[in-house]
């Protein structure tokens, strides 16, 4: 199963480097969906858990939506949000409770005035909730990645694209990889 974890990290590296090239490249379109799908395959027993499958498939769909040439951030956020709900439910079912609530609330409060599309604020609050029950660095990294998406929409730069994917892929690895679940 280490192969699939390594495949996810390699897909993250490939997609991150592809982002430096600017436009969506074939390498990005091939590699980005592997970030989550490889982690799904890494531990087949988790595929018997409907909440895990729902969360991972929703995140995978979010990746696919955002890969499209007519990518719509709100649609991608909807997919990821549905995945976050499934993963939150899974963590609560396992007995996890929110941690570091004040820093997560503060992050949302600080980011709120800077969010370009105010309709995404609910998604940000949901992501902060997911992060608070994750009990790993993956949650905060996911928040950093999504904050960088908003900054990149306002000030596009290939370096920001690289940072978005690098933090996202590492977050997914920490959240869905061998130690967290």
N, C-alpha and C. Protein backbone atom coordinates (compact mmCIF):
# COMPACT_ATOMS: atom_id res chain seq x y z
N UNK A 1 0.81 -1.19 0.00
CA UNK A 1 0.00 0.00 0.00
C UNK A 1 0.86 1.26 0.00
N UNK A 2 2.14 1.11 0.36
CA UNK A 2 3.04 2.26 0.32
C UNK A 2 3.13 2.82 -1.10
N UNK A 3 2.96 1.94 -2.09
CA UNK A 3 2.99 2.37 -3.49
C UNK A 3 1.97 3.47 -3.74
N UNK A 4 0.75 3.29 -3.24
CA UNK A 4 -0.32 4.26 -3.49
C UNK A 4 -0.07 5.58 -2.77
N UNK A 5 0.50 5.50 -1.57
CA UNK A 5 0.86 6.74 -0.88
C UNK A 5 1.93 7.49 -1.66
N UNK A 6 2.93 6.76 -2.15
CA UNK A 6 3.99 7.37 -2.95
C UNK A 6 3.42 7.93 -4.26
N UNK A 7 2.46 7.20 -4.85
CA UNK A 7 1.83 7.67 -6.08
C UNK A 7 1.11 9.00 -5.84
N UNK A 8 0.44 9.13 -4.72
CA UNK A 8 -0.25 10.38 -4.41
C UNK A 8 0.74 11.53 -4.28
N UNK A 9 1.84 11.29 -3.58
CA UNK A 9 2.86 12.34 -3.42
C UNK A 9 3.51 12.67 -4.77
N UNK A 10 3.75 11.66 -5.60
CA UNK A 10 4.31 11.91 -6.94
C UNK A 10 3.32 12.71 -7.79
N UNK A 11 2.04 12.40 -7.66
CA UNK A 11 1.02 13.15 -8.40
C UNK A 11 0.98 14.60 -7.94
N UNK A 12 1.17 14.81 -6.64
CA UNK A 12 1.23 16.18 -6.11
C UNK A 12 2.41 16.92 -6.71
N UNK A 13 3.58 16.28 -6.72
CA UNK A 13 4.78 16.92 -7.26
C UNK A 13 4.61 17.21 -8.75
N UNK A 14 4.08 16.26 -9.50
CA UNK A 14 3.88 16.44 -10.94
C UNK A 14 2.91 17.58 -11.22
N UNK A 15 1.80 17.60 -10.50
CA UNK A 15 0.81 18.65 -10.71
C UNK A 15 1.36 20.01 -10.31
N UNK A 16 2.11 20.06 -9.22
CA UNK A 16 2.70 21.33 -8.77
C UNK A 16 3.65 21.89 -9.81
N UNK A 17 4.51 21.04 -10.34
CA UNK A 17 5.47 21.49 -11.36
C UNK A 17 4.72 21.88 -12.64
N UNK A 18 3.70 21.12 -13.00
CA UNK A 18 2.91 21.46 -14.19
C UNK A 18 2.28 22.83 -14.04
N UNK A 19 1.89 23.20 -12.84
CA UNK A 19 1.27 24.51 -12.60
C UNK A 19 2.24 25.65 -12.92
N UNK A 20 3.52 25.39 -12.78
CA UNK A 20 4.51 26.42 -13.09
C UNK A 20 4.53 26.74 -14.58
N UNK A 21 4.01 25.82 -15.40
CA UNK A 21 3.99 26.02 -16.86
C UNK A 21 2.85 26.92 -17.31
N UNK A 22 1.97 27.28 -16.40
CA UNK A 22 0.87 28.19 -16.77
C UNK A 22 -0.42 27.46 -17.04
N UNK A 23 -0.79 27.36 -18.31
CA UNK A 23 -2.08 26.76 -18.70
C UNK A 23 -2.16 25.31 -18.24
N UNK A 24 -3.38 24.81 -18.16
CA UNK A 24 -3.58 23.41 -17.75
C UNK A 24 -2.91 22.49 -18.77
N UNK A 25 -1.98 21.70 -18.28
CA UNK A 25 -1.21 20.82 -19.14
C UNK A 25 -1.77 19.40 -19.07
N UNK A 26 -1.45 18.56 -20.06
CA UNK A 26 -1.86 17.16 -19.98
C UNK A 26 -1.34 16.47 -18.71
N UNK A 27 -0.13 16.83 -18.29
CA UNK A 27 0.43 16.22 -17.07
C UNK A 27 -0.44 16.55 -15.86
N UNK A 28 -0.89 17.79 -15.77
CA UNK A 28 -1.75 18.18 -14.66
C UNK A 28 -3.08 17.43 -14.71
N UNK A 29 -3.66 17.35 -15.91
CA UNK A 29 -4.96 16.69 -16.05
C UNK A 29 -4.88 15.20 -15.72
N UNK A 30 -3.73 14.60 -15.96
CA UNK A 30 -3.54 13.19 -15.63
C UNK A 30 -3.20 13.01 -14.15
N UNK A 31 -2.34 13.86 -13.63
CA UNK A 31 -1.81 13.65 -12.28
C UNK A 31 -2.74 14.11 -11.16
N UNK A 32 -3.40 15.24 -11.32
CA UNK A 32 -4.16 15.79 -10.19
C UNK A 32 -5.23 14.83 -9.66
N UNK A 33 -6.00 14.15 -10.51
CA UNK A 33 -6.99 13.21 -9.96
C UNK A 33 -6.36 12.03 -9.20
N UNK A 34 -5.08 11.78 -9.42
CA UNK A 34 -4.40 10.69 -8.72
C UNK A 34 -4.09 11.04 -7.27
N UNK A 35 -4.08 12.32 -6.93
CA UNK A 35 -3.74 12.71 -5.56
C UNK A 35 -4.68 12.02 -4.57
N UNK A 36 -5.98 12.16 -4.79
CA UNK A 36 -6.96 11.57 -3.88
C UNK A 36 -7.23 10.10 -4.21
N UNK A 37 -7.34 9.77 -5.49
CA UNK A 37 -7.70 8.38 -5.83
C UNK A 37 -6.62 7.39 -5.39
N UNK A 38 -5.36 7.79 -5.43
CA UNK A 38 -4.31 6.89 -4.94
C UNK A 38 -4.43 6.68 -3.44
N UNK A 39 -4.79 7.73 -2.72
CA UNK A 39 -4.98 7.59 -1.27
C UNK A 39 -6.19 6.72 -0.94
N UNK A 40 -7.20 6.76 -1.81
CA UNK A 40 -8.34 5.86 -1.62
C UNK A 40 -7.90 4.40 -1.73
N UNK A 41 -7.04 4.14 -2.70
CA UNK A 41 -6.58 2.76 -2.95
C UNK A 41 -5.56 2.29 -1.92
N UNK A 42 -4.96 3.23 -1.19
CA UNK A 42 -3.88 2.87 -0.27
C UNK A 42 -4.33 1.95 0.87
N UNK A 43 -5.56 2.09 1.30
CA UNK A 43 -6.06 1.24 2.38
C UNK A 43 -7.45 0.74 1.99
N UNK A 44 -7.52 -0.37 1.27
CA UNK A 44 -8.79 -0.86 0.73
C UNK A 44 -9.88 -1.07 1.78
N UNK A 45 -9.52 -1.37 3.02
CA UNK A 45 -10.55 -1.59 4.04
C UNK A 45 -11.40 -0.34 4.26
N UNK A 46 -10.83 0.84 4.03
CA UNK A 46 -11.60 2.08 4.20
C UNK A 46 -12.69 2.21 3.14
N UNK A 47 -12.55 1.49 2.04
CA UNK A 47 -13.55 1.58 0.98
C UNK A 47 -14.86 0.92 1.37
N UNK A 48 -14.87 0.23 2.50
CA UNK A 48 -16.13 -0.33 3.03
C UNK A 48 -16.89 0.69 3.88
N UNK A 49 -16.27 1.82 4.15
CA UNK A 49 -16.88 2.87 4.96
C UNK A 49 -17.54 3.89 4.04
N UNK A 50 -18.88 3.96 4.03
CA UNK A 50 -19.57 4.87 3.11
C UNK A 50 -19.18 6.34 3.31
N UNK A 51 -18.88 6.74 4.54
CA UNK A 51 -18.49 8.14 4.76
C UNK A 51 -17.12 8.43 4.16
N UNK A 52 -16.20 7.47 4.27
CA UNK A 52 -14.89 7.66 3.65
C UNK A 52 -15.04 7.76 2.13
N UNK A 53 -15.78 6.83 1.56
CA UNK A 53 -15.97 6.81 0.11
C UNK A 53 -16.65 8.10 -0.35
N UNK A 54 -17.71 8.51 0.34
CA UNK A 54 -18.42 9.74 -0.04
C UNK A 54 -17.48 10.95 0.03
N UNK A 55 -16.70 11.05 1.10
CA UNK A 55 -15.79 12.18 1.24
C UNK A 55 -14.71 12.19 0.18
N UNK A 56 -14.09 11.04 -0.04
CA UNK A 56 -13.01 10.97 -1.02
C UNK A 56 -13.51 11.19 -2.44
N UNK A 57 -14.65 10.59 -2.78
CA UNK A 57 -15.20 10.79 -4.13
C UNK A 57 -15.59 12.25 -4.34
N UNK A 58 -16.16 12.88 -3.33
CA UNK A 58 -16.51 14.30 -3.45
C UNK A 58 -15.27 15.15 -3.66
N UNK A 59 -14.18 14.86 -2.94
CA UNK A 59 -12.93 15.60 -3.14
C UNK A 59 -12.38 15.34 -4.54
N UNK A 60 -12.45 14.10 -5.00
CA UNK A 60 -11.99 13.77 -6.35
C UNK A 60 -12.81 14.53 -7.39
N UNK A 61 -14.12 14.57 -7.20
CA UNK A 61 -14.97 15.33 -8.13
C UNK A 61 -14.63 16.82 -8.09
N UNK A 62 -14.32 17.34 -6.91
CA UNK A 62 -13.88 18.73 -6.81
C UNK A 62 -12.63 18.98 -7.63
N UNK A 63 -11.68 18.05 -7.56
CA UNK A 63 -10.47 18.17 -8.37
C UNK A 63 -10.81 18.19 -9.86
N UNK A 64 -11.70 17.31 -10.27
CA UNK A 64 -12.07 17.22 -11.69
C UNK A 64 -12.79 18.49 -12.14
N UNK A 65 -13.70 18.99 -11.33
CA UNK A 65 -14.40 20.24 -11.66
C UNK A 65 -13.41 21.38 -11.84
N UNK A 66 -12.42 21.46 -10.96
CA UNK A 66 -11.46 22.56 -11.03
C UNK A 66 -10.43 22.37 -12.15
N UNK A 67 -10.34 21.17 -12.71
CA UNK A 67 -9.43 20.93 -13.84
C UNK A 67 -10.03 21.37 -15.17
N UNK A 68 -11.34 21.48 -15.21
CA UNK A 68 -12.00 21.83 -16.47
C UNK A 68 -11.53 23.20 -16.96
N UNK A 69 -11.56 23.38 -18.26
CA UNK A 69 -11.16 24.68 -18.82
C UNK A 69 -12.10 25.79 -18.38
N UNK A 70 -13.35 25.44 -18.09
CA UNK A 70 -14.31 26.43 -17.60
C UNK A 70 -14.52 26.26 -16.09
N UNK A 71 -13.42 26.02 -15.38
CA UNK A 71 -13.48 25.74 -13.94
C UNK A 71 -14.31 26.78 -13.21
N UNK A 72 -15.17 26.29 -12.32
CA UNK A 72 -16.03 27.15 -11.53
C UNK A 72 -15.70 26.90 -10.06
N UNK A 73 -15.15 27.92 -9.41
CA UNK A 73 -14.70 27.76 -8.04
C UNK A 73 -15.85 27.39 -7.10
N UNK A 74 -17.02 27.96 -7.31
CA UNK A 74 -18.16 27.65 -6.44
C UNK A 74 -18.58 26.18 -6.59
N UNK A 75 -18.57 25.67 -7.82
CA UNK A 75 -18.91 24.25 -8.01
C UNK A 75 -17.85 23.34 -7.36
N UNK A 76 -16.61 23.72 -7.53
CA UNK A 76 -15.54 22.95 -6.88
C UNK A 76 -15.68 22.99 -5.36
N UNK A 77 -15.99 24.17 -4.82
CA UNK A 77 -16.18 24.30 -3.37
C UNK A 77 -17.37 23.46 -2.90
N UNK A 78 -18.41 23.39 -3.72
CA UNK A 78 -19.56 22.56 -3.36
C UNK A 78 -19.15 21.09 -3.24
N UNK A 79 -18.40 20.61 -4.22
CA UNK A 79 -17.93 19.21 -4.16
C UNK A 79 -17.06 18.99 -2.92
N UNK A 80 -16.09 19.87 -2.73
CA UNK A 80 -15.21 19.71 -1.58
C UNK A 80 -15.99 19.85 -0.28
N UNK A 81 -16.94 20.77 -0.23
CA UNK A 81 -17.76 20.95 0.97
C UNK A 81 -18.52 19.69 1.33
N UNK A 82 -19.09 19.03 0.32
CA UNK A 82 -19.79 17.77 0.57
C UNK A 82 -18.82 16.72 1.12
N UNK A 83 -17.62 16.71 0.58
CA UNK A 83 -16.60 15.79 1.09
C UNK A 83 -16.23 16.12 2.53
N UNK A 84 -16.10 17.41 2.83
CA UNK A 84 -15.77 17.82 4.20
C UNK A 84 -16.85 17.35 5.17
N UNK A 85 -18.13 17.49 4.76
CA UNK A 85 -19.23 17.06 5.63
C UNK A 85 -19.10 15.56 5.93
N UNK A 86 -18.82 14.77 4.91
CA UNK A 86 -18.67 13.32 5.11
C UNK A 86 -17.49 13.02 6.04
N UNK A 87 -16.37 13.71 5.83
CA UNK A 87 -15.20 13.45 6.67
C UNK A 87 -15.42 13.94 8.10
N UNK A 88 -16.12 15.06 8.27
CA UNK A 88 -16.46 15.53 9.62
C UNK A 88 -17.31 14.48 10.32
N UNK A 89 -18.33 13.99 9.64
CA UNK A 89 -19.21 12.97 10.23
C UNK A 89 -18.41 11.72 10.59
N UNK A 90 -17.49 11.35 9.73
CA UNK A 90 -16.66 10.16 9.99
C UNK A 90 -15.81 10.35 11.23
N UNK A 91 -15.21 11.53 11.35
CA UNK A 91 -14.34 11.81 12.50
C UNK A 91 -15.17 11.87 13.79
N UNK A 92 -16.34 12.50 13.74
CA UNK A 92 -17.19 12.57 14.93
C UNK A 92 -17.65 11.18 15.34
N UNK A 93 -18.00 10.35 14.36
CA UNK A 93 -18.41 8.98 14.63
C UNK A 93 -17.28 8.20 15.32
N UNK A 94 -16.05 8.51 14.96
CA UNK A 94 -14.89 7.83 15.55
C UNK A 94 -14.53 8.39 16.92
N UNK A 95 -15.25 9.41 17.37
CA UNK A 95 -15.01 9.96 18.70
C UNK A 95 -14.15 11.21 18.74
N UNK A 96 -13.72 11.69 17.60
CA UNK A 96 -12.93 12.92 17.57
C UNK A 96 -13.84 14.10 17.88
N UNK A 97 -13.28 15.09 18.54
CA UNK A 97 -14.00 16.32 18.82
C UNK A 97 -13.17 17.48 18.31
N UNK A 98 -13.81 18.60 18.02
CA UNK A 98 -13.05 19.75 17.52
C UNK A 98 -11.93 20.15 18.48
N UNK A 99 -10.81 20.49 17.89
CA UNK A 99 -9.67 20.98 18.65
C UNK A 99 -9.23 22.33 18.12
N UNK A 100 -8.58 23.09 18.95
CA UNK A 100 -8.09 24.41 18.55
C UNK A 100 -9.21 25.24 17.92
N UNK A 101 -10.34 25.26 18.58
CA UNK A 101 -11.52 25.94 18.04
C UNK A 101 -11.27 27.43 17.85
N UNK A 102 -10.69 28.08 18.85
CA UNK A 102 -10.48 29.53 18.77
C UNK A 102 -9.57 29.89 17.59
N UNK A 103 -8.42 29.22 17.40
CA UNK A 103 -7.61 29.56 16.23
C UNK A 103 -8.33 29.34 14.90
N UNK A 104 -9.16 28.30 14.83
CA UNK A 104 -9.90 28.06 13.59
C UNK A 104 -10.94 29.16 13.36
N UNK A 105 -11.65 29.55 14.41
CA UNK A 105 -12.61 30.65 14.27
C UNK A 105 -11.90 31.94 13.91
N UNK A 106 -10.74 32.17 14.52
CA UNK A 106 -9.98 33.38 14.23
C UNK A 106 -9.52 33.40 12.78
N UNK A 107 -9.10 32.25 12.27
CA UNK A 107 -8.67 32.19 10.87
C UNK A 107 -9.81 32.56 9.93
N UNK A 108 -11.00 32.05 10.21
CA UNK A 108 -12.16 32.39 9.37
C UNK A 108 -12.48 33.87 9.50
N UNK A 109 -12.44 34.40 10.71
CA UNK A 109 -12.76 35.82 10.93
C UNK A 109 -11.75 36.73 10.23
N UNK A 110 -10.48 36.38 10.30
CA UNK A 110 -9.45 37.20 9.66
C UNK A 110 -9.56 37.11 8.14
N UNK A 111 -9.85 35.92 7.63
CA UNK A 111 -9.92 35.73 6.18
C UNK A 111 -11.19 36.30 5.56
N UNK A 112 -12.27 36.35 6.32
CA UNK A 112 -13.57 36.75 5.77
C UNK A 112 -13.54 38.05 4.98
N UNK A 113 -12.95 39.12 5.50
CA UNK A 113 -12.96 40.37 4.72
C UNK A 113 -12.15 40.29 3.43
N UNK A 114 -11.24 39.33 3.36
CA UNK A 114 -10.37 39.22 2.19
C UNK A 114 -10.90 38.26 1.13
N UNK A 115 -11.94 37.50 1.47
CA UNK A 115 -12.47 36.52 0.52
C UNK A 115 -13.10 37.25 -0.65
N UNK A 116 -12.63 36.91 -1.83
CA UNK A 116 -13.06 37.57 -3.06
C UNK A 116 -14.54 37.33 -3.34
N UNK A 117 -14.99 36.10 -3.22
CA UNK A 117 -16.39 35.74 -3.49
C UNK A 117 -17.05 35.41 -2.16
N UNK A 118 -17.86 36.31 -1.66
CA UNK A 118 -18.46 36.16 -0.32
C UNK A 118 -19.33 34.91 -0.20
N UNK A 119 -19.77 34.37 -1.33
CA UNK A 119 -20.56 33.14 -1.27
C UNK A 119 -19.73 31.95 -0.81
N UNK A 120 -18.43 32.12 -0.79
CA UNK A 120 -17.55 31.03 -0.36
C UNK A 120 -17.27 31.05 1.14
N UNK A 121 -17.83 32.02 1.86
CA UNK A 121 -17.59 32.09 3.30
C UNK A 121 -18.11 30.86 4.05
N UNK A 122 -19.27 30.37 3.66
CA UNK A 122 -19.81 29.16 4.31
C UNK A 122 -18.87 27.98 4.09
N UNK A 123 -18.31 27.90 2.89
CA UNK A 123 -17.34 26.84 2.62
C UNK A 123 -16.13 26.99 3.56
N UNK A 124 -15.66 28.22 3.74
CA UNK A 124 -14.52 28.46 4.62
C UNK A 124 -14.79 28.02 6.05
N UNK A 125 -16.00 28.29 6.53
CA UNK A 125 -16.36 27.86 7.88
C UNK A 125 -16.42 26.34 7.97
N UNK A 126 -16.92 25.71 6.93
CA UNK A 126 -16.99 24.25 6.89
C UNK A 126 -15.58 23.65 6.86
N UNK A 127 -14.70 24.25 6.07
CA UNK A 127 -13.32 23.78 6.02
C UNK A 127 -12.64 23.93 7.38
N UNK A 128 -12.90 25.04 8.07
CA UNK A 128 -12.32 25.23 9.40
C UNK A 128 -12.83 24.17 10.37
N UNK A 129 -14.09 23.80 10.23
CA UNK A 129 -14.65 22.73 11.08
C UNK A 129 -13.95 21.41 10.78
N UNK A 130 -13.80 21.10 9.50
CA UNK A 130 -13.10 19.87 9.11
C UNK A 130 -11.68 19.88 9.67
N UNK A 131 -11.01 21.01 9.54
CA UNK A 131 -9.66 21.13 10.06
C UNK A 131 -9.62 20.90 11.57
N UNK A 132 -10.61 21.43 12.28
CA UNK A 132 -10.60 21.31 13.74
C UNK A 132 -10.80 19.88 14.22
N UNK A 133 -11.48 19.05 13.44
CA UNK A 133 -11.65 17.65 13.86
C UNK A 133 -10.59 16.74 13.24
N UNK A 134 -9.72 17.28 12.41
CA UNK A 134 -8.73 16.44 11.74
C UNK A 134 -7.62 15.99 12.68
N UNK A 135 -7.25 16.83 13.63
CA UNK A 135 -6.19 16.50 14.58
C UNK A 135 -4.88 16.16 13.88
N UNK A 136 -4.62 16.79 12.75
CA UNK A 136 -3.34 16.65 12.07
C UNK A 136 -3.02 17.97 11.40
N UNK A 137 -1.81 18.11 10.91
CA UNK A 137 -1.44 19.32 10.19
C UNK A 137 -2.13 19.41 8.84
N UNK A 138 -2.74 18.31 8.40
CA UNK A 138 -3.44 18.32 7.12
C UNK A 138 -4.57 19.33 7.08
N UNK A 139 -5.29 19.47 8.17
CA UNK A 139 -6.41 20.42 8.21
C UNK A 139 -5.96 21.85 8.00
N UNK A 140 -5.02 22.35 8.81
CA UNK A 140 -4.54 23.71 8.58
C UNK A 140 -3.89 23.90 7.20
N UNK A 141 -3.19 22.86 6.70
CA UNK A 141 -2.61 22.97 5.36
C UNK A 141 -3.68 23.12 4.29
N UNK A 142 -4.79 22.41 4.46
CA UNK A 142 -5.91 22.53 3.53
C UNK A 142 -6.43 23.98 3.56
N UNK A 143 -6.51 24.56 4.75
CA UNK A 143 -6.96 25.95 4.87
C UNK A 143 -5.99 26.90 4.18
N UNK A 144 -4.70 26.67 4.35
CA UNK A 144 -3.69 27.51 3.68
C UNK A 144 -3.84 27.38 2.17
N UNK A 145 -3.99 26.16 1.68
CA UNK A 145 -4.14 25.94 0.25
C UNK A 145 -5.33 26.72 -0.31
N UNK A 146 -6.46 26.62 0.39
CA UNK A 146 -7.65 27.32 -0.11
C UNK A 146 -7.53 28.83 0.01
N UNK A 147 -6.83 29.31 1.03
CA UNK A 147 -6.58 30.76 1.12
C UNK A 147 -5.71 31.21 -0.06
N UNK A 148 -4.74 30.39 -0.42
CA UNK A 148 -3.88 30.72 -1.56
C UNK A 148 -4.67 30.74 -2.87
N UNK A 149 -5.71 29.91 -2.98
CA UNK A 149 -6.55 29.94 -4.18
C UNK A 149 -7.17 31.31 -4.33
N UNK A 150 -7.70 31.86 -3.24
CA UNK A 150 -8.33 33.17 -3.31
C UNK A 150 -7.31 34.25 -3.65
N UNK A 151 -6.14 34.20 -3.03
CA UNK A 151 -5.08 35.17 -3.34
C UNK A 151 -4.70 35.05 -4.81
N UNK A 152 -4.58 33.83 -5.31
CA UNK A 152 -4.19 33.61 -6.70
C UNK A 152 -5.25 34.12 -7.68
N UNK A 153 -6.52 34.05 -7.29
CA UNK A 153 -7.56 34.60 -8.17
C UNK A 153 -7.45 36.12 -8.26
N UNK A 154 -7.02 36.74 -7.18
CA UNK A 154 -6.89 38.19 -7.18
C UNK A 154 -5.56 38.65 -7.79
N UNK A 155 -4.52 37.84 -7.62
CA UNK A 155 -3.18 38.18 -8.12
C UNK A 155 -2.56 36.93 -8.74
N UNK A 156 -2.99 36.54 -9.95
CA UNK A 156 -2.53 35.29 -10.56
C UNK A 156 -1.01 35.24 -10.73
N UNK A 157 -0.45 34.09 -10.37
CA UNK A 157 0.98 33.88 -10.54
C UNK A 157 1.26 32.37 -10.51
N UNK A 158 2.09 31.88 -11.43
CA UNK A 158 2.39 30.44 -11.44
C UNK A 158 2.97 29.94 -10.11
N UNK A 159 3.72 30.78 -9.41
CA UNK A 159 4.26 30.38 -8.12
C UNK A 159 3.17 30.12 -7.10
N UNK A 160 2.10 30.92 -7.16
CA UNK A 160 0.96 30.69 -6.27
C UNK A 160 0.23 29.41 -6.67
N UNK A 161 0.10 29.17 -7.98
CA UNK A 161 -0.50 27.91 -8.44
C UNK A 161 0.27 26.72 -7.88
N UNK A 162 1.59 26.81 -7.95
CA UNK A 162 2.46 25.76 -7.42
C UNK A 162 2.19 25.55 -5.93
N UNK A 163 2.15 26.65 -5.18
CA UNK A 163 1.94 26.57 -3.73
C UNK A 163 0.57 26.00 -3.38
N UNK A 164 -0.45 26.36 -4.17
CA UNK A 164 -1.80 25.83 -3.93
C UNK A 164 -1.78 24.31 -4.00
N UNK A 165 -1.22 23.78 -5.07
CA UNK A 165 -1.23 22.32 -5.27
C UNK A 165 -0.30 21.62 -4.28
N UNK A 166 0.86 22.20 -4.03
CA UNK A 166 1.79 21.56 -3.09
C UNK A 166 1.17 21.44 -1.70
N UNK A 167 0.54 22.51 -1.22
CA UNK A 167 -0.08 22.45 0.11
C UNK A 167 -1.32 21.56 0.10
N UNK A 168 -2.08 21.59 -0.99
CA UNK A 168 -3.28 20.76 -1.10
C UNK A 168 -2.92 19.27 -1.08
N UNK A 169 -1.97 18.88 -1.91
CA UNK A 169 -1.58 17.47 -1.99
C UNK A 169 -1.02 16.96 -0.67
N UNK A 170 -0.21 17.78 -0.02
CA UNK A 170 0.33 17.37 1.27
C UNK A 170 -0.78 17.29 2.31
N UNK A 171 -1.72 18.23 2.26
CA UNK A 171 -2.87 18.19 3.18
C UNK A 171 -3.66 16.90 2.99
N UNK A 172 -3.96 16.56 1.74
CA UNK A 172 -4.72 15.34 1.49
C UNK A 172 -3.95 14.12 1.99
N UNK A 173 -2.65 14.10 1.77
CA UNK A 173 -1.84 12.98 2.25
C UNK A 173 -1.93 12.86 3.77
N UNK A 174 -1.82 13.99 4.46
CA UNK A 174 -1.88 13.96 5.92
C UNK A 174 -3.27 13.62 6.44
N UNK A 175 -4.30 14.05 5.70
CA UNK A 175 -5.68 13.79 6.12
C UNK A 175 -6.15 12.38 5.77
N UNK A 176 -5.76 11.89 4.62
CA UNK A 176 -6.26 10.59 4.14
C UNK A 176 -5.20 9.50 4.14
N UNK A 177 -3.97 9.88 4.43
CA UNK A 177 -2.87 8.93 4.36
C UNK A 177 -2.86 7.92 5.49
N UNK A 178 -1.76 7.23 5.63
CA UNK A 178 -1.71 6.06 6.51
C UNK A 178 -1.89 6.35 8.00
N UNK A 179 -1.49 7.48 8.47
CA UNK A 179 -1.53 7.74 9.91
C UNK A 179 -2.85 8.31 10.38
N UNK A 180 -3.49 9.13 9.55
CA UNK A 180 -4.69 9.86 10.01
C UNK A 180 -5.91 8.98 10.09
N UNK A 181 -6.10 8.10 9.16
CA UNK A 181 -7.33 7.31 9.14
C UNK A 181 -7.03 5.87 9.42
